[in-house]
N, C-alpha and C. Protein backbone atom coordinates (compact mmCIF):
# COMPACT_ATOMS: atom_id res chain seq x y z
N MET A 1 -2.33 -0.46 22.54
CA MET A 1 -2.86 -1.80 22.58
C MET A 1 -2.78 -2.40 21.17
N VAL A 2 -1.69 -3.07 20.92
CA VAL A 2 -1.53 -3.86 19.70
C VAL A 2 -0.94 -5.19 20.14
N ASP A 3 -1.67 -6.25 19.88
CA ASP A 3 -1.21 -7.58 20.30
C ASP A 3 -0.14 -8.06 19.32
N LEU A 4 1.12 -7.94 19.73
CA LEU A 4 2.24 -8.29 18.87
C LEU A 4 2.47 -9.79 18.77
N GLU A 5 1.80 -10.56 19.61
CA GLU A 5 1.95 -12.02 19.54
C GLU A 5 1.11 -12.62 18.42
N ARG A 6 0.15 -11.88 17.95
CA ARG A 6 -0.73 -12.37 16.87
C ARG A 6 -0.24 -11.84 15.54
N THR A 7 0.91 -12.34 15.12
CA THR A 7 1.53 -11.84 13.88
C THR A 7 0.66 -12.11 12.66
N ARG A 8 -0.05 -13.22 12.67
CA ARG A 8 -0.91 -13.49 11.52
C ARG A 8 -1.96 -12.39 11.36
N ASP A 9 -2.51 -11.92 12.48
CA ASP A 9 -3.48 -10.84 12.41
C ASP A 9 -2.84 -9.55 11.89
N LEU A 10 -1.62 -9.27 12.33
CA LEU A 10 -0.93 -8.08 11.84
C LEU A 10 -0.71 -8.16 10.33
N PHE A 11 -0.30 -9.33 9.87
CA PHE A 11 -0.08 -9.50 8.43
C PHE A 11 -1.41 -9.46 7.67
N MET A 12 -2.48 -9.97 8.25
CA MET A 12 -3.79 -9.90 7.59
C MET A 12 -4.28 -8.46 7.50
N VAL A 13 -4.03 -7.66 8.54
CA VAL A 13 -4.37 -6.24 8.46
C VAL A 13 -3.59 -5.59 7.32
N ALA A 14 -2.30 -5.93 7.21
CA ALA A 14 -1.50 -5.39 6.11
C ALA A 14 -2.08 -5.81 4.76
N ALA A 15 -2.47 -7.07 4.66
CA ALA A 15 -3.02 -7.58 3.39
C ALA A 15 -4.34 -6.89 3.05
N ILE A 16 -5.24 -6.82 4.01
CA ILE A 16 -6.57 -6.28 3.76
C ILE A 16 -6.52 -4.76 3.55
N PHE A 17 -5.82 -4.07 4.43
CA PHE A 17 -5.77 -2.62 4.31
C PHE A 17 -4.97 -2.19 3.08
N GLY A 18 -3.92 -2.93 2.75
CA GLY A 18 -3.19 -2.64 1.52
C GLY A 18 -4.08 -2.79 0.30
N THR A 19 -4.84 -3.88 0.28
CA THR A 19 -5.75 -4.12 -0.84
C THR A 19 -6.82 -3.04 -0.92
N PHE A 20 -7.35 -2.65 0.22
CA PHE A 20 -8.39 -1.62 0.19
C PHE A 20 -7.82 -0.23 -0.05
N GLY A 21 -6.55 0.01 0.31
CA GLY A 21 -5.90 1.26 -0.09
C GLY A 21 -5.82 1.34 -1.60
N PHE A 22 -5.48 0.20 -2.22
CA PHE A 22 -5.45 0.10 -3.68
C PHE A 22 -6.85 0.40 -4.26
N ALA A 23 -7.88 -0.16 -3.64
CA ALA A 23 -9.24 0.04 -4.13
C ALA A 23 -9.68 1.50 -4.02
N TRP A 24 -9.39 2.14 -2.89
CA TRP A 24 -9.79 3.54 -2.72
C TRP A 24 -9.01 4.45 -3.68
N ALA A 25 -7.73 4.15 -3.91
CA ALA A 25 -6.96 4.93 -4.88
C ALA A 25 -7.56 4.77 -6.28
N GLY A 26 -8.03 3.57 -6.57
CA GLY A 26 -8.67 3.33 -7.86
C GLY A 26 -10.00 4.03 -7.99
N TRP A 27 -10.81 3.98 -6.94
CA TRP A 27 -12.12 4.65 -6.97
C TRP A 27 -11.93 6.15 -7.13
N ALA A 28 -10.89 6.69 -6.51
CA ALA A 28 -10.62 8.13 -6.62
C ALA A 28 -10.28 8.53 -8.05
N GLN A 29 -9.85 7.58 -8.87
CA GLN A 29 -9.53 7.87 -10.27
C GLN A 29 -10.78 8.17 -11.10
N GLU A 30 -11.95 7.99 -10.51
CA GLU A 30 -13.21 8.25 -11.21
C GLU A 30 -13.25 9.69 -11.74
N ALA A 31 -12.90 10.66 -10.91
CA ALA A 31 -12.98 12.06 -11.34
C ALA A 31 -12.12 12.96 -10.45
N PRO A 32 -10.81 12.68 -10.37
CA PRO A 32 -9.97 13.54 -9.54
C PRO A 32 -9.50 14.76 -10.32
N PRO A 33 -8.96 15.75 -9.63
CA PRO A 33 -8.26 16.79 -10.38
C PRO A 33 -7.12 16.11 -11.16
N PRO A 34 -6.96 16.41 -12.43
CA PRO A 34 -5.98 15.71 -13.27
C PRO A 34 -4.56 15.68 -12.70
N ARG A 35 -4.15 16.73 -12.01
CA ARG A 35 -2.79 16.79 -11.47
C ARG A 35 -2.56 15.74 -10.38
N LEU A 36 -3.63 15.17 -9.83
CA LEU A 36 -3.50 14.19 -8.75
C LEU A 36 -3.49 12.74 -9.23
N ARG A 37 -3.72 12.53 -10.51
CA ARG A 37 -3.74 11.15 -11.03
C ARG A 37 -2.43 10.39 -10.77
N PRO A 38 -1.25 11.02 -11.00
CA PRO A 38 -0.01 10.27 -10.72
C PRO A 38 0.12 9.88 -9.24
N LEU A 39 -0.29 10.78 -8.35
CA LEU A 39 -0.25 10.47 -6.92
C LEU A 39 -1.15 9.28 -6.61
N LEU A 40 -2.35 9.29 -7.16
CA LEU A 40 -3.27 8.18 -6.93
C LEU A 40 -2.73 6.87 -7.50
N GLY A 41 -2.08 6.95 -8.65
CA GLY A 41 -1.45 5.75 -9.22
C GLY A 41 -0.36 5.21 -8.33
N ALA A 42 0.47 6.11 -7.79
CA ALA A 42 1.55 5.69 -6.89
C ALA A 42 0.97 5.10 -5.60
N LEU A 43 -0.06 5.73 -5.05
CA LEU A 43 -0.70 5.20 -3.84
C LEU A 43 -1.28 3.81 -4.10
N GLY A 44 -1.91 3.65 -5.25
CA GLY A 44 -2.49 2.35 -5.59
C GLY A 44 -1.43 1.28 -5.72
N ALA A 45 -0.33 1.60 -6.42
CA ALA A 45 0.74 0.62 -6.61
C ALA A 45 1.39 0.24 -5.29
N ALA A 46 1.70 1.24 -4.46
CA ALA A 46 2.33 0.96 -3.17
C ALA A 46 1.39 0.15 -2.27
N SER A 47 0.12 0.49 -2.29
CA SER A 47 -0.87 -0.23 -1.47
C SER A 47 -0.96 -1.69 -1.89
N LEU A 48 -0.97 -1.91 -3.20
CA LEU A 48 -1.06 -3.29 -3.69
C LEU A 48 0.17 -4.09 -3.29
N LEU A 49 1.34 -3.49 -3.38
CA LEU A 49 2.58 -4.19 -2.98
C LEU A 49 2.55 -4.57 -1.50
N VAL A 50 2.15 -3.64 -0.65
CA VAL A 50 2.07 -3.93 0.79
C VAL A 50 1.01 -4.99 1.05
N GLY A 51 -0.11 -4.90 0.35
CA GLY A 51 -1.17 -5.89 0.51
C GLY A 51 -0.72 -7.29 0.12
N VAL A 52 -0.01 -7.41 -0.98
CA VAL A 52 0.49 -8.72 -1.42
C VAL A 52 1.51 -9.25 -0.42
N ALA A 53 2.41 -8.39 0.05
CA ALA A 53 3.41 -8.83 1.04
C ALA A 53 2.72 -9.32 2.31
N GLY A 54 1.74 -8.56 2.79
CA GLY A 54 1.00 -8.98 3.98
C GLY A 54 0.27 -10.30 3.77
N GLY A 55 -0.32 -10.46 2.61
CA GLY A 55 -1.04 -11.70 2.31
C GLY A 55 -0.11 -12.91 2.28
N LEU A 56 1.04 -12.74 1.65
CA LEU A 56 2.00 -13.85 1.58
C LEU A 56 2.52 -14.22 2.98
N LEU A 57 2.82 -13.21 3.79
CA LEU A 57 3.31 -13.48 5.14
C LEU A 57 2.22 -14.10 6.03
N ALA A 58 0.99 -13.66 5.87
CA ALA A 58 -0.11 -14.26 6.63
C ALA A 58 -0.29 -15.71 6.23
N TRP A 59 -0.20 -15.99 4.95
CA TRP A 59 -0.34 -17.36 4.45
C TRP A 59 0.77 -18.25 5.00
N GLN A 60 2.00 -17.71 5.00
CA GLN A 60 3.13 -18.50 5.53
C GLN A 60 2.98 -18.77 7.02
N GLY A 61 2.38 -17.85 7.75
CA GLY A 61 2.23 -18.02 9.19
C GLY A 61 0.82 -18.35 9.62
N TRP A 62 0.10 -19.07 8.76
CA TRP A 62 -1.32 -19.32 9.03
C TRP A 62 -1.56 -20.06 10.35
N ASP A 63 -0.57 -20.80 10.82
CA ASP A 63 -0.72 -21.55 12.07
C ASP A 63 -0.36 -20.72 13.30
N GLU A 64 0.02 -19.48 13.09
CA GLU A 64 0.35 -18.59 14.21
C GLU A 64 -0.93 -18.21 14.96
N PRO A 65 -0.78 -17.71 16.22
CA PRO A 65 -1.95 -17.29 16.99
C PRO A 65 -2.75 -16.20 16.27
N SER A 66 -4.06 -16.19 16.52
CA SER A 66 -4.96 -15.23 15.88
C SER A 66 -6.06 -14.82 16.86
N SER A 67 -6.68 -13.70 16.57
CA SER A 67 -7.83 -13.26 17.36
C SER A 67 -9.01 -14.19 17.20
N PHE A 68 -8.97 -15.01 16.16
CA PHE A 68 -10.08 -15.92 15.88
C PHE A 68 -9.78 -17.31 16.43
N SER A 69 -9.52 -17.36 17.72
CA SER A 69 -9.18 -18.65 18.33
C SER A 69 -10.42 -19.49 18.61
N GLY A 70 -11.55 -18.85 18.77
CA GLY A 70 -12.78 -19.58 19.04
C GLY A 70 -13.86 -19.28 18.03
N ALA A 71 -14.86 -20.13 18.00
CA ALA A 71 -15.96 -19.96 17.04
C ALA A 71 -16.70 -18.64 17.26
N ASP A 72 -16.83 -18.21 18.50
CA ASP A 72 -17.54 -16.97 18.80
C ASP A 72 -16.85 -15.76 18.19
N ASP A 73 -15.52 -15.81 18.13
CA ASP A 73 -14.77 -14.68 17.56
C ASP A 73 -15.11 -14.49 16.09
N GLY A 74 -15.17 -15.58 15.36
CA GLY A 74 -15.52 -15.52 13.95
C GLY A 74 -16.94 -15.04 13.74
N VAL A 75 -17.83 -15.44 14.63
CA VAL A 75 -19.23 -15.02 14.54
C VAL A 75 -19.33 -13.52 14.78
N ARG A 76 -18.63 -13.02 15.80
CA ARG A 76 -18.65 -11.57 16.08
C ARG A 76 -18.13 -10.78 14.88
N PHE A 77 -17.03 -11.25 14.32
CA PHE A 77 -16.46 -10.59 13.14
C PHE A 77 -17.47 -10.62 11.99
N GLY A 78 -18.08 -11.76 11.76
CA GLY A 78 -19.07 -11.89 10.68
C GLY A 78 -20.25 -10.97 10.87
N ILE A 79 -20.69 -10.79 12.10
CA ILE A 79 -21.81 -9.90 12.37
C ILE A 79 -21.43 -8.45 12.05
N VAL A 80 -20.25 -8.03 12.51
CA VAL A 80 -19.79 -6.66 12.25
C VAL A 80 -19.68 -6.41 10.74
N VAL A 81 -19.05 -7.32 10.04
CA VAL A 81 -18.87 -7.16 8.60
C VAL A 81 -20.21 -7.27 7.87
N GLY A 82 -21.06 -8.17 8.31
CA GLY A 82 -22.38 -8.31 7.69
C GLY A 82 -23.20 -7.04 7.79
N ILE A 83 -23.20 -6.43 8.98
CA ILE A 83 -23.92 -5.16 9.17
C ILE A 83 -23.32 -4.09 8.26
N GLU A 84 -22.00 -4.06 8.18
CA GLU A 84 -21.32 -3.08 7.32
C GLU A 84 -21.76 -3.24 5.86
N VAL A 85 -21.75 -4.46 5.36
CA VAL A 85 -22.09 -4.71 3.96
C VAL A 85 -23.54 -4.33 3.69
N VAL A 86 -24.45 -4.71 4.57
CA VAL A 86 -25.87 -4.39 4.38
C VAL A 86 -26.07 -2.88 4.37
N LEU A 87 -25.45 -2.18 5.33
CA LEU A 87 -25.59 -0.72 5.37
C LEU A 87 -25.02 -0.06 4.11
N CYS A 88 -23.88 -0.55 3.64
CA CYS A 88 -23.30 -0.01 2.41
C CYS A 88 -24.24 -0.21 1.23
N LEU A 89 -24.77 -1.42 1.10
CA LEU A 89 -25.65 -1.72 -0.03
C LEU A 89 -26.96 -0.93 0.04
N VAL A 90 -27.60 -0.92 1.19
CA VAL A 90 -28.88 -0.22 1.32
C VAL A 90 -28.69 1.29 1.11
N GLY A 91 -27.68 1.86 1.76
CA GLY A 91 -27.43 3.29 1.60
C GLY A 91 -27.10 3.65 0.16
N SER A 92 -26.31 2.81 -0.49
CA SER A 92 -25.96 3.06 -1.90
C SER A 92 -27.20 3.00 -2.78
N ALA A 93 -28.06 2.03 -2.52
CA ALA A 93 -29.30 1.90 -3.30
C ALA A 93 -30.20 3.12 -3.10
N VAL A 94 -30.30 3.60 -1.86
CA VAL A 94 -31.13 4.78 -1.58
C VAL A 94 -30.54 6.00 -2.29
N LEU A 95 -29.23 6.18 -2.21
CA LEU A 95 -28.61 7.32 -2.89
C LEU A 95 -28.81 7.24 -4.41
N ALA A 96 -28.64 6.06 -4.96
CA ALA A 96 -28.84 5.89 -6.41
C ALA A 96 -30.29 6.18 -6.79
N ALA A 97 -31.24 5.69 -6.00
CA ALA A 97 -32.66 5.92 -6.28
C ALA A 97 -33.01 7.40 -6.20
N ARG A 98 -32.32 8.13 -5.36
CA ARG A 98 -32.56 9.57 -5.22
C ARG A 98 -31.70 10.40 -6.16
N ARG A 99 -31.06 9.72 -7.10
CA ARG A 99 -30.19 10.37 -8.09
C ARG A 99 -29.04 11.13 -7.43
N ARG A 100 -28.49 10.53 -6.40
CA ARG A 100 -27.34 11.10 -5.68
C ARG A 100 -26.19 10.11 -5.66
N ALA A 101 -26.05 9.34 -6.73
CA ALA A 101 -25.03 8.29 -6.80
C ALA A 101 -23.62 8.84 -6.59
N GLY A 102 -23.42 10.11 -6.88
CA GLY A 102 -22.11 10.71 -6.68
C GLY A 102 -21.68 10.74 -5.23
N LEU A 103 -22.61 10.48 -4.32
CA LEU A 103 -22.29 10.48 -2.89
C LEU A 103 -22.06 9.08 -2.32
N ILE A 104 -22.14 8.07 -3.16
CA ILE A 104 -21.99 6.69 -2.67
C ILE A 104 -20.62 6.49 -2.02
N ALA A 105 -19.57 7.04 -2.60
CA ALA A 105 -18.23 6.88 -2.00
C ALA A 105 -18.19 7.45 -0.59
N ALA A 106 -18.84 8.59 -0.39
CA ALA A 106 -18.87 9.19 0.95
C ALA A 106 -19.63 8.29 1.92
N TRP A 107 -20.76 7.74 1.49
CA TRP A 107 -21.54 6.85 2.34
C TRP A 107 -20.74 5.60 2.71
N VAL A 108 -20.13 4.99 1.73
CA VAL A 108 -19.35 3.77 1.98
C VAL A 108 -18.19 4.09 2.92
N SER A 109 -17.53 5.21 2.72
CA SER A 109 -16.42 5.60 3.59
C SER A 109 -16.89 5.77 5.03
N LEU A 110 -18.03 6.40 5.21
CA LEU A 110 -18.58 6.59 6.56
C LEU A 110 -18.85 5.24 7.23
N VAL A 111 -19.54 4.36 6.53
CA VAL A 111 -19.90 3.06 7.11
C VAL A 111 -18.66 2.24 7.42
N VAL A 112 -17.72 2.19 6.49
CA VAL A 112 -16.50 1.40 6.70
C VAL A 112 -15.70 1.98 7.86
N GLY A 113 -15.60 3.30 7.93
CA GLY A 113 -14.87 3.93 9.03
C GLY A 113 -15.47 3.58 10.38
N VAL A 114 -16.78 3.67 10.49
CA VAL A 114 -17.45 3.34 11.76
C VAL A 114 -17.27 1.86 12.10
N HIS A 115 -17.28 0.99 11.10
CA HIS A 115 -17.17 -0.45 11.38
C HIS A 115 -15.79 -0.84 11.92
N PHE A 116 -14.78 0.02 11.70
CA PHE A 116 -13.45 -0.28 12.24
C PHE A 116 -13.41 -0.19 13.76
N VAL A 117 -14.30 0.60 14.36
CA VAL A 117 -14.25 0.81 15.82
C VAL A 117 -14.43 -0.51 16.59
N PRO A 118 -15.46 -1.31 16.32
CA PRO A 118 -15.53 -2.58 17.05
C PRO A 118 -14.39 -3.54 16.71
N LEU A 119 -13.82 -3.40 15.50
CA LEU A 119 -12.72 -4.28 15.12
C LEU A 119 -11.45 -3.98 15.93
N VAL A 120 -11.31 -2.73 16.41
CA VAL A 120 -10.18 -2.40 17.27
C VAL A 120 -10.16 -3.35 18.47
N PHE A 121 -11.32 -3.59 19.05
CA PHE A 121 -11.41 -4.43 20.25
C PHE A 121 -11.35 -5.92 19.89
N LEU A 122 -11.91 -6.27 18.77
CA LEU A 122 -11.88 -7.67 18.34
C LEU A 122 -10.45 -8.13 18.06
N PHE A 123 -9.63 -7.23 17.46
CA PHE A 123 -8.27 -7.57 17.10
C PHE A 123 -7.23 -7.06 18.10
N ASP A 124 -7.66 -6.35 19.14
CA ASP A 124 -6.71 -5.73 20.07
C ASP A 124 -5.66 -4.94 19.30
N ASN A 125 -6.14 -4.05 18.41
CA ASN A 125 -5.22 -3.33 17.53
C ASN A 125 -5.67 -1.87 17.38
N LEU A 126 -5.02 -1.00 18.16
CA LEU A 126 -5.36 0.43 18.13
C LEU A 126 -5.01 1.11 16.81
N THR A 127 -4.17 0.49 15.99
CA THR A 127 -3.81 1.13 14.71
C THR A 127 -5.03 1.27 13.80
N LEU A 128 -6.11 0.54 14.09
CA LEU A 128 -7.31 0.64 13.26
C LEU A 128 -8.09 1.92 13.52
N LEU A 129 -7.75 2.62 14.61
CA LEU A 129 -8.45 3.88 14.90
C LEU A 129 -8.12 4.98 13.90
N ALA A 130 -6.88 5.01 13.39
CA ALA A 130 -6.51 6.06 12.42
C ALA A 130 -7.36 5.98 11.15
N PRO A 131 -7.47 4.79 10.52
CA PRO A 131 -8.34 4.75 9.34
C PRO A 131 -9.81 4.95 9.70
N ALA A 132 -10.23 4.54 10.89
CA ALA A 132 -11.62 4.77 11.29
C ALA A 132 -11.92 6.27 11.28
N ALA A 133 -11.07 7.03 11.95
CA ALA A 133 -11.27 8.48 12.02
C ALA A 133 -11.13 9.13 10.64
N ALA A 134 -10.10 8.74 9.90
CA ALA A 134 -9.87 9.35 8.58
C ALA A 134 -11.04 9.10 7.63
N MET A 135 -11.58 7.90 7.67
CA MET A 135 -12.67 7.58 6.74
C MET A 135 -13.96 8.31 7.09
N VAL A 136 -14.20 8.49 8.37
CA VAL A 136 -15.39 9.26 8.78
C VAL A 136 -15.20 10.73 8.38
N VAL A 137 -14.04 11.27 8.66
CA VAL A 137 -13.77 12.67 8.30
C VAL A 137 -13.83 12.85 6.78
N SER A 138 -13.24 11.94 6.02
CA SER A 138 -13.27 12.08 4.56
C SER A 138 -14.69 12.02 4.03
N ALA A 139 -15.53 11.20 4.68
CA ALA A 139 -16.93 11.11 4.26
C ALA A 139 -17.65 12.44 4.48
N VAL A 140 -17.43 13.05 5.63
CA VAL A 140 -18.08 14.33 5.94
C VAL A 140 -17.59 15.42 4.97
N VAL A 141 -16.28 15.48 4.76
CA VAL A 141 -15.72 16.48 3.84
C VAL A 141 -16.24 16.24 2.42
N ALA A 142 -16.25 14.98 2.00
CA ALA A 142 -16.73 14.66 0.65
C ALA A 142 -18.19 15.04 0.49
N TRP A 143 -18.98 14.77 1.49
CA TRP A 143 -20.41 15.08 1.43
C TRP A 143 -20.61 16.58 1.25
N ARG A 144 -19.79 17.37 1.94
CA ARG A 144 -19.94 18.83 1.89
C ARG A 144 -19.37 19.44 0.61
N ARG A 145 -18.31 18.84 0.05
CA ARG A 145 -17.61 19.43 -1.10
C ARG A 145 -18.04 18.86 -2.44
N SER A 146 -18.81 17.82 -2.44
CA SER A 146 -19.16 17.14 -3.68
C SER A 146 -20.20 17.91 -4.47
N PRO A 147 -20.01 17.98 -5.80
CA PRO A 147 -21.07 18.58 -6.63
C PRO A 147 -22.39 17.82 -6.48
N ALA A 148 -22.31 16.54 -6.17
CA ALA A 148 -23.53 15.75 -6.00
C ALA A 148 -24.30 16.17 -4.76
N ALA A 149 -23.64 16.85 -3.83
CA ALA A 149 -24.32 17.31 -2.62
C ALA A 149 -25.12 18.58 -2.89
N GLY A 150 -24.97 19.14 -4.09
CA GLY A 150 -25.73 20.34 -4.45
C GLY A 150 -25.19 21.60 -3.81
N SER A 151 -23.88 21.69 -3.72
CA SER A 151 -23.24 22.88 -3.17
C SER A 151 -23.76 24.11 -3.90
N PRO A 152 -24.31 25.09 -3.16
CA PRO A 152 -24.94 26.24 -3.82
C PRO A 152 -23.98 27.04 -4.70
N ASP A 153 -22.73 27.20 -4.27
CA ASP A 153 -21.82 28.00 -5.09
C ASP A 153 -20.96 27.15 -6.02
N GLY A 154 -20.88 25.84 -5.76
CA GLY A 154 -20.10 24.95 -6.61
C GLY A 154 -18.60 25.19 -6.48
N GLY A 155 -18.22 26.18 -5.69
CA GLY A 155 -16.80 26.49 -5.54
C GLY A 155 -16.06 25.43 -4.74
N GLY A 156 -14.92 25.06 -5.22
CA GLY A 156 -14.10 24.08 -4.52
C GLY A 156 -14.67 22.68 -4.53
N ALA A 157 -15.68 22.45 -5.36
CA ALA A 157 -16.31 21.13 -5.40
C ALA A 157 -15.35 20.11 -5.99
N MET A 158 -15.40 18.91 -5.43
CA MET A 158 -14.59 17.80 -5.91
C MET A 158 -15.43 16.54 -5.75
N ALA A 159 -15.33 15.64 -6.69
CA ALA A 159 -16.10 14.40 -6.62
C ALA A 159 -15.86 13.70 -5.29
N ALA A 160 -16.92 13.16 -4.72
CA ALA A 160 -16.81 12.47 -3.43
C ALA A 160 -15.80 11.33 -3.50
N SER A 161 -15.75 10.65 -4.63
CA SER A 161 -14.79 9.54 -4.77
C SER A 161 -13.36 10.05 -4.71
N ALA A 162 -13.11 11.24 -5.25
CA ALA A 162 -11.76 11.81 -5.22
C ALA A 162 -11.39 12.22 -3.79
N VAL A 163 -12.30 12.88 -3.10
CA VAL A 163 -12.02 13.31 -1.73
C VAL A 163 -11.75 12.10 -0.84
N THR A 164 -12.65 11.13 -0.89
CA THR A 164 -12.49 9.97 -0.01
C THR A 164 -11.24 9.17 -0.38
N GLY A 165 -10.99 9.00 -1.66
CA GLY A 165 -9.81 8.24 -2.08
C GLY A 165 -8.51 8.92 -1.71
N LEU A 166 -8.47 10.25 -1.84
CA LEU A 166 -7.26 10.99 -1.52
C LEU A 166 -6.94 10.97 -0.02
N VAL A 167 -7.95 10.79 0.80
CA VAL A 167 -7.73 10.68 2.25
C VAL A 167 -7.56 9.21 2.65
N ASN A 168 -8.46 8.37 2.19
CA ASN A 168 -8.49 6.98 2.66
C ASN A 168 -7.30 6.15 2.16
N ALA A 169 -6.93 6.30 0.91
CA ALA A 169 -5.86 5.47 0.35
C ALA A 169 -4.54 5.63 1.12
N PRO A 170 -4.06 6.85 1.36
CA PRO A 170 -2.79 6.94 2.10
C PRO A 170 -2.89 6.47 3.54
N VAL A 171 -4.02 6.72 4.19
CA VAL A 171 -4.16 6.27 5.59
C VAL A 171 -4.22 4.75 5.65
N LEU A 172 -4.93 4.14 4.73
CA LEU A 172 -4.97 2.67 4.70
C LEU A 172 -3.60 2.10 4.37
N LEU A 173 -2.89 2.73 3.44
CA LEU A 173 -1.54 2.29 3.10
C LEU A 173 -0.61 2.38 4.31
N LEU A 174 -0.65 3.49 5.01
CA LEU A 174 0.22 3.66 6.19
C LEU A 174 -0.14 2.67 7.29
N THR A 175 -1.42 2.43 7.49
CA THR A 175 -1.84 1.45 8.50
C THR A 175 -1.39 0.05 8.10
N ALA A 176 -1.52 -0.26 6.82
CA ALA A 176 -1.07 -1.57 6.33
C ALA A 176 0.44 -1.72 6.52
N ALA A 177 1.19 -0.69 6.15
CA ALA A 177 2.65 -0.74 6.26
C ALA A 177 3.08 -0.85 7.73
N LEU A 178 2.43 -0.11 8.61
CA LEU A 178 2.75 -0.18 10.04
C LEU A 178 2.51 -1.59 10.57
N ASN A 179 1.38 -2.20 10.22
CA ASN A 179 1.09 -3.55 10.69
C ASN A 179 2.05 -4.56 10.11
N LEU A 180 2.47 -4.35 8.87
CA LEU A 180 3.46 -5.23 8.25
C LEU A 180 4.79 -5.16 9.02
N VAL A 181 5.22 -3.94 9.32
CA VAL A 181 6.46 -3.75 10.08
C VAL A 181 6.34 -4.34 11.48
N LEU A 182 5.21 -4.09 12.15
CA LEU A 182 5.02 -4.65 13.49
C LEU A 182 5.06 -6.17 13.45
N GLY A 183 4.45 -6.76 12.45
CA GLY A 183 4.47 -8.21 12.32
C GLY A 183 5.87 -8.75 12.06
N LEU A 184 6.61 -8.06 11.21
CA LEU A 184 7.97 -8.50 10.88
C LEU A 184 8.92 -8.37 12.07
N THR A 185 8.78 -7.30 12.84
CA THR A 185 9.69 -7.08 13.96
C THR A 185 9.34 -7.94 15.18
N SER A 186 8.14 -8.45 15.22
CA SER A 186 7.76 -9.25 16.39
C SER A 186 7.75 -10.75 16.09
N SER A 187 8.06 -11.14 14.85
CA SER A 187 8.06 -12.59 14.55
C SER A 187 9.44 -13.17 14.63
């Protein structure tokens, strides 16, 4: 279920997910294993390029059909995103207050991943399920492996931002690139 007639939406997914792939690759630079820095740099650069391409194509086709054909569609989207932002902010504040700021990336990844599920139906775009699942899984793994989680043995610990970025950035990049290709082949 991917609505190929709504090319503007496909290009907007490419723009947004490319941009956020860039952001997650950047956040992962906070404290990754040093050998992974070049990979994160490459993921960030590729994500930004796909995001810019998607944004330019969406702008050029702004009059094309979109999932936001009615006022109610925009309201539904705003509610989903509003809940996401509030949960991210409140959870981050609670973690910071409890001196667990190292887990904020995991919390944000969890909330963002879950928020993609209703967007699948809003946009009629099943490609959003891959980043939804990946971001939830990366959050759980990050929570368990992070030194901020207080791992008793400390073995194999990696900063939550590194774990989430190393998983989320490539999945967001691939989802952005897939939507870009789908938009280009169907326009």
